[in-house]
Amino acid sequence: MPIYEYQCRKCNEVFEIFHKIDEDCNAACPKCLGPAKKLISATSFILKGSGFYVNDYPSQSRQEASKSEKTEPEKPKSVKSEEKKAEKKADAK
């Protein structure tokens, strides 16, 4: 069962109530017994594991691979590949 935060409409006291999701809770302030409204609170869960975004929680091997990709210098083109390009241009003419 989740914990919900409420705020009193009279004295602005913030308090928590532990009840079921589908339970209709007419909360009253524990200080002044005034009516209260439910607040929207931040959650405290984290989505981890397979099936979620890859860039959120990468594995150790993936982190190392991305670091090595960033640090590797660009490889120079081989002479043979440049010769083949020149031959293709000559054949096309």
N, C-alpha and C. Protein backbone atom coordinates (compact mmCIF):
# COMPACT_ATOMS: atom_id res chain seq x y z
N MET A 1 0.84 -1.19 0.00
CA MET A 1 0.00 0.00 0.00
C MET A 1 0.88 1.25 0.00
N PRO A 2 0.52 2.21 -0.84
CA PRO A 2 1.32 3.44 -0.92
C PRO A 2 1.02 4.44 0.19
N ILE A 3 1.94 5.35 0.35
CA ILE A 3 1.77 6.44 1.31
C ILE A 3 1.42 7.69 0.51
N TYR A 4 0.36 8.37 0.91
CA TYR A 4 -0.09 9.58 0.23
C TYR A 4 0.12 10.80 1.12
N GLU A 5 0.47 11.92 0.49
CA GLU A 5 0.64 13.17 1.22
C GLU A 5 -0.62 14.02 1.06
N TYR A 6 -1.02 14.63 2.13
CA TYR A 6 -2.18 15.52 2.13
C TYR A 6 -1.78 16.84 2.77
N GLN A 7 -2.54 17.91 2.41
CA GLN A 7 -2.33 19.22 3.01
C GLN A 7 -3.67 19.75 3.48
N CYS A 8 -3.69 20.22 4.73
CA CYS A 8 -4.91 20.76 5.31
C CYS A 8 -5.27 22.08 4.62
N ARG A 9 -6.56 22.25 4.34
CA ARG A 9 -7.03 23.48 3.69
C ARG A 9 -7.14 24.64 4.67
N LYS A 10 -7.21 24.34 5.96
CA LYS A 10 -7.33 25.40 6.97
C LYS A 10 -5.97 25.86 7.48
N CYS A 11 -5.17 24.95 8.02
CA CYS A 11 -3.90 25.32 8.67
C CYS A 11 -2.67 25.03 7.82
N ASN A 12 -2.84 24.51 6.60
CA ASN A 12 -1.76 24.18 5.67
C ASN A 12 -0.77 23.14 6.21
N GLU A 13 -1.16 22.36 7.17
CA GLU A 13 -0.31 21.28 7.71
C GLU A 13 -0.21 20.17 6.66
N VAL A 14 1.01 19.67 6.41
CA VAL A 14 1.23 18.58 5.48
C VAL A 14 1.43 17.30 6.29
N PHE A 15 0.69 16.23 5.91
CA PHE A 15 0.78 14.96 6.62
C PHE A 15 0.62 13.82 5.64
N GLU A 16 0.96 12.62 6.09
CA GLU A 16 0.91 11.43 5.25
C GLU A 16 -0.12 10.44 5.76
N ILE A 17 -0.77 9.74 4.80
CA ILE A 17 -1.72 8.68 5.15
C ILE A 17 -1.38 7.45 4.32
N PHE A 18 -1.41 6.30 4.95
CA PHE A 18 -1.10 5.01 4.34
C PHE A 18 -2.42 4.31 4.04
N HIS A 19 -2.80 4.21 2.72
CA HIS A 19 -4.05 3.52 2.36
C HIS A 19 -3.95 2.94 0.96
N LYS A 20 -4.91 2.08 0.61
CA LYS A 20 -4.93 1.41 -0.69
C LYS A 20 -5.16 2.42 -1.81
N ILE A 21 -4.73 2.02 -3.01
CA ILE A 21 -4.89 2.89 -4.18
C ILE A 21 -6.36 3.14 -4.49
N ASP A 22 -7.17 2.08 -4.47
CA ASP A 22 -8.57 2.21 -4.84
C ASP A 22 -9.47 2.67 -3.69
N GLU A 23 -8.91 2.87 -2.53
CA GLU A 23 -9.68 3.31 -1.38
C GLU A 23 -9.94 4.81 -1.46
N ASP A 24 -11.21 5.21 -1.32
CA ASP A 24 -11.56 6.63 -1.33
C ASP A 24 -11.32 7.18 0.08
N CYS A 25 -10.36 8.06 0.22
CA CYS A 25 -9.97 8.55 1.53
C CYS A 25 -10.39 10.01 1.70
N ASN A 26 -11.30 10.24 2.59
CA ASN A 26 -11.68 11.60 2.95
C ASN A 26 -10.82 11.99 4.15
N ALA A 27 -9.66 12.55 3.86
CA ALA A 27 -8.67 12.83 4.89
C ALA A 27 -9.04 14.09 5.68
N ALA A 28 -8.74 14.01 6.97
CA ALA A 28 -8.93 15.16 7.86
C ALA A 28 -7.59 15.44 8.54
N CYS A 29 -7.32 16.71 8.76
CA CYS A 29 -6.07 17.12 9.38
C CYS A 29 -5.98 16.61 10.82
N PRO A 30 -4.83 16.01 11.20
CA PRO A 30 -4.69 15.51 12.57
C PRO A 30 -4.59 16.65 13.61
N LYS A 31 -4.23 17.85 13.17
CA LYS A 31 -4.10 18.99 14.10
C LYS A 31 -5.44 19.67 14.37
N CYS A 32 -6.09 20.13 13.27
CA CYS A 32 -7.31 20.93 13.44
C CYS A 32 -8.58 20.23 12.95
N LEU A 33 -8.45 19.02 12.43
CA LEU A 33 -9.56 18.21 11.89
C LEU A 33 -10.25 18.87 10.70
N GLY A 34 -9.53 19.77 10.02
CA GLY A 34 -10.07 20.41 8.82
C GLY A 34 -9.94 19.50 7.61
N PRO A 35 -10.63 19.85 6.52
CA PRO A 35 -10.55 19.04 5.29
C PRO A 35 -9.15 19.15 4.67
N ALA A 36 -8.75 18.10 3.97
CA ALA A 36 -7.42 18.07 3.36
C ALA A 36 -7.51 17.70 1.90
N LYS A 37 -6.52 18.14 1.14
CA LYS A 37 -6.44 17.78 -0.28
C LYS A 37 -5.20 16.94 -0.52
N LYS A 38 -5.28 16.02 -1.47
CA LYS A 38 -4.17 15.14 -1.80
C LYS A 38 -3.14 15.92 -2.61
N LEU A 39 -1.86 15.74 -2.27
CA LEU A 39 -0.76 16.38 -2.98
C LEU A 39 -0.13 15.41 -3.97
N ILE A 40 0.46 15.96 -5.01
CA ILE A 40 1.21 15.14 -5.96
C ILE A 40 2.65 15.14 -5.49
N SER A 41 3.19 13.96 -5.22
CA SER A 41 4.54 13.81 -4.67
C SER A 41 5.45 13.13 -5.67
N ALA A 42 6.74 13.34 -5.52
CA ALA A 42 7.74 12.68 -6.36
C ALA A 42 7.85 11.21 -5.94
N THR A 43 8.08 10.35 -6.91
CA THR A 43 8.25 8.93 -6.62
C THR A 43 9.70 8.62 -6.34
N SER A 44 9.95 7.46 -5.77
CA SER A 44 11.32 7.10 -5.40
C SER A 44 11.78 5.81 -6.06
N PHE A 45 11.22 5.43 -7.20
CA PHE A 45 11.66 4.20 -7.85
C PHE A 45 12.48 4.53 -9.09
N ILE A 46 13.38 3.61 -9.45
CA ILE A 46 14.26 3.76 -10.59
C ILE A 46 14.07 2.56 -11.50
N LEU A 47 13.91 2.81 -12.78
CA LEU A 47 13.74 1.74 -13.76
C LEU A 47 15.11 1.26 -14.19
N LYS A 48 15.44 0.00 -13.87
CA LYS A 48 16.71 -0.60 -14.24
C LYS A 48 16.46 -1.94 -14.90
N GLY A 49 17.42 -2.39 -15.64
CA GLY A 49 17.33 -3.72 -16.22
C GLY A 49 17.09 -3.68 -17.71
N SER A 50 16.97 -4.84 -18.32
CA SER A 50 16.77 -4.91 -19.76
C SER A 50 15.37 -4.43 -20.11
N GLY A 51 15.27 -3.81 -21.26
CA GLY A 51 13.99 -3.31 -21.72
C GLY A 51 13.81 -1.83 -21.50
N PHE A 52 14.72 -1.19 -20.79
CA PHE A 52 14.63 0.24 -20.58
C PHE A 52 15.68 0.92 -21.43
N TYR A 53 15.78 2.22 -21.34
CA TYR A 53 16.70 2.98 -22.17
C TYR A 53 18.14 2.50 -21.99
N VAL A 54 18.83 2.28 -23.09
CA VAL A 54 20.19 1.76 -23.07
C VAL A 54 21.16 2.77 -22.45
N ASN A 55 20.94 4.04 -22.70
CA ASN A 55 21.88 5.04 -22.22
C ASN A 55 21.69 5.42 -20.75
N ASP A 56 20.69 4.91 -20.08
CA ASP A 56 20.45 5.25 -18.68
C ASP A 56 21.40 4.52 -17.73
N TYR A 57 21.48 3.22 -17.85
CA TYR A 57 22.29 2.41 -16.93
C TYR A 57 23.12 1.41 -17.73
N PRO A 58 24.15 1.89 -18.44
CA PRO A 58 24.92 0.96 -19.26
C PRO A 58 25.78 0.02 -18.42
N SER A 59 26.00 -1.17 -18.96
CA SER A 59 26.85 -2.15 -18.28
C SER A 59 28.31 -1.68 -18.35
N GLN A 60 29.15 -2.31 -17.56
CA GLN A 60 30.57 -1.94 -17.51
C GLN A 60 31.23 -2.11 -18.88
N SER A 61 30.93 -3.22 -19.57
CA SER A 61 31.53 -3.47 -20.88
C SER A 61 31.08 -2.43 -21.91
N ARG A 62 29.82 -2.01 -21.83
CA ARG A 62 29.31 -1.00 -22.76
C ARG A 62 29.98 0.36 -22.49
N GLN A 63 30.20 0.69 -21.22
CA GLN A 63 30.87 1.94 -20.87
C GLN A 63 32.29 1.95 -21.42
N GLU A 64 33.02 0.83 -21.27
CA GLU A 64 34.39 0.74 -21.76
C GLU A 64 34.43 0.83 -23.28
N ALA A 65 33.47 0.21 -23.96
CA ALA A 65 33.43 0.25 -25.42
C ALA A 65 33.17 1.67 -25.92
N SER A 66 32.28 2.38 -25.28
CA SER A 66 31.99 3.74 -25.72
C SER A 66 33.17 4.67 -25.47
N LYS A 67 33.92 4.43 -24.39
CA LYS A 67 35.11 5.24 -24.11
C LYS A 67 36.19 4.99 -25.16
N SER A 68 36.38 3.71 -25.55
CA SER A 68 37.41 3.39 -26.54
C SER A 68 37.05 3.94 -27.91
N GLU A 69 35.77 3.99 -28.25
CA GLU A 69 35.34 4.57 -29.52
C GLU A 69 35.66 6.06 -29.58
N LYS A 70 35.50 6.73 -28.47
CA LYS A 70 35.74 8.17 -28.43
C LYS A 70 37.24 8.49 -28.49
N THR A 71 38.09 7.62 -27.94
CA THR A 71 39.52 7.90 -27.86
C THR A 71 40.32 7.38 -29.04
N GLU A 72 39.79 6.50 -29.88
CA GLU A 72 40.52 5.95 -31.02
C GLU A 72 40.70 7.02 -32.09
N PRO A 73 41.93 7.20 -32.60
CA PRO A 73 42.15 8.17 -33.68
C PRO A 73 41.56 7.64 -34.99
N GLU A 74 41.29 8.53 -35.90
CA GLU A 74 40.72 8.14 -37.18
C GLU A 74 41.79 7.41 -37.99
N LYS A 75 41.43 6.28 -38.57
CA LYS A 75 42.38 5.47 -39.32
C LYS A 75 42.64 6.11 -40.68
N PRO A 76 43.93 6.16 -41.11
CA PRO A 76 44.23 6.73 -42.43
C PRO A 76 43.75 5.77 -43.53
N LYS A 77 43.38 6.35 -44.66
CA LYS A 77 42.92 5.53 -45.78
C LYS A 77 44.11 4.82 -46.40
N SER A 78 43.89 3.63 -46.85
CA SER A 78 44.97 2.87 -47.47
C SER A 78 45.20 3.36 -48.90
N VAL A 79 46.36 3.12 -49.39
CA VAL A 79 46.73 3.54 -50.74
C VAL A 79 45.92 2.77 -51.78
N LYS A 80 45.67 1.49 -51.49
CA LYS A 80 44.92 0.66 -52.44
C LYS A 80 43.51 1.17 -52.65
N SER A 81 42.84 1.62 -51.60
CA SER A 81 41.47 2.10 -51.75
C SER A 81 41.44 3.38 -52.58
N GLU A 82 42.48 4.22 -52.44
CA GLU A 82 42.54 5.44 -53.23
C GLU A 82 42.82 5.11 -54.70
N GLU A 83 43.64 4.08 -54.94
CA GLU A 83 43.92 3.67 -56.31
C GLU A 83 42.67 3.12 -56.98
N LYS A 84 41.87 2.36 -56.23
CA LYS A 84 40.63 1.79 -56.79
C LYS A 84 39.65 2.90 -57.16
N LYS A 85 39.58 3.93 -56.32
CA LYS A 85 38.69 5.06 -56.64
C LYS A 85 39.14 5.77 -57.91
N ALA A 86 40.44 5.92 -58.05
CA ALA A 86 40.98 6.57 -59.26
C ALA A 86 40.69 5.74 -60.50
N GLU A 87 40.80 4.41 -60.39
CA GLU A 87 40.51 3.52 -61.50
C GLU A 87 39.03 3.61 -61.90
N LYS A 88 38.15 3.65 -60.92
CA LYS A 88 36.70 3.74 -61.22
C LYS A 88 36.38 5.04 -61.93
N LYS A 89 37.02 6.12 -61.52
CA LYS A 89 36.78 7.41 -62.19
C LYS A 89 37.28 7.36 -63.64
N ALA A 90 38.42 6.71 -63.85
CA ALA A 90 38.99 6.60 -65.19
C ALA A 90 38.11 5.72 -66.09
N ASP A 91 37.54 4.65 -65.52
CA ASP A 91 36.66 3.76 -66.27
C ASP A 91 35.35 4.45 -66.63
N ALA A 92 34.88 5.32 -65.76
CA ALA A 92 33.61 5.99 -65.98
C ALA A 92 33.70 7.00 -67.12
N LYS A 93 34.90 7.50 -67.41
CA LYS A 93 35.08 8.50 -68.47
C LYS A 93 35.08 7.87 -69.79
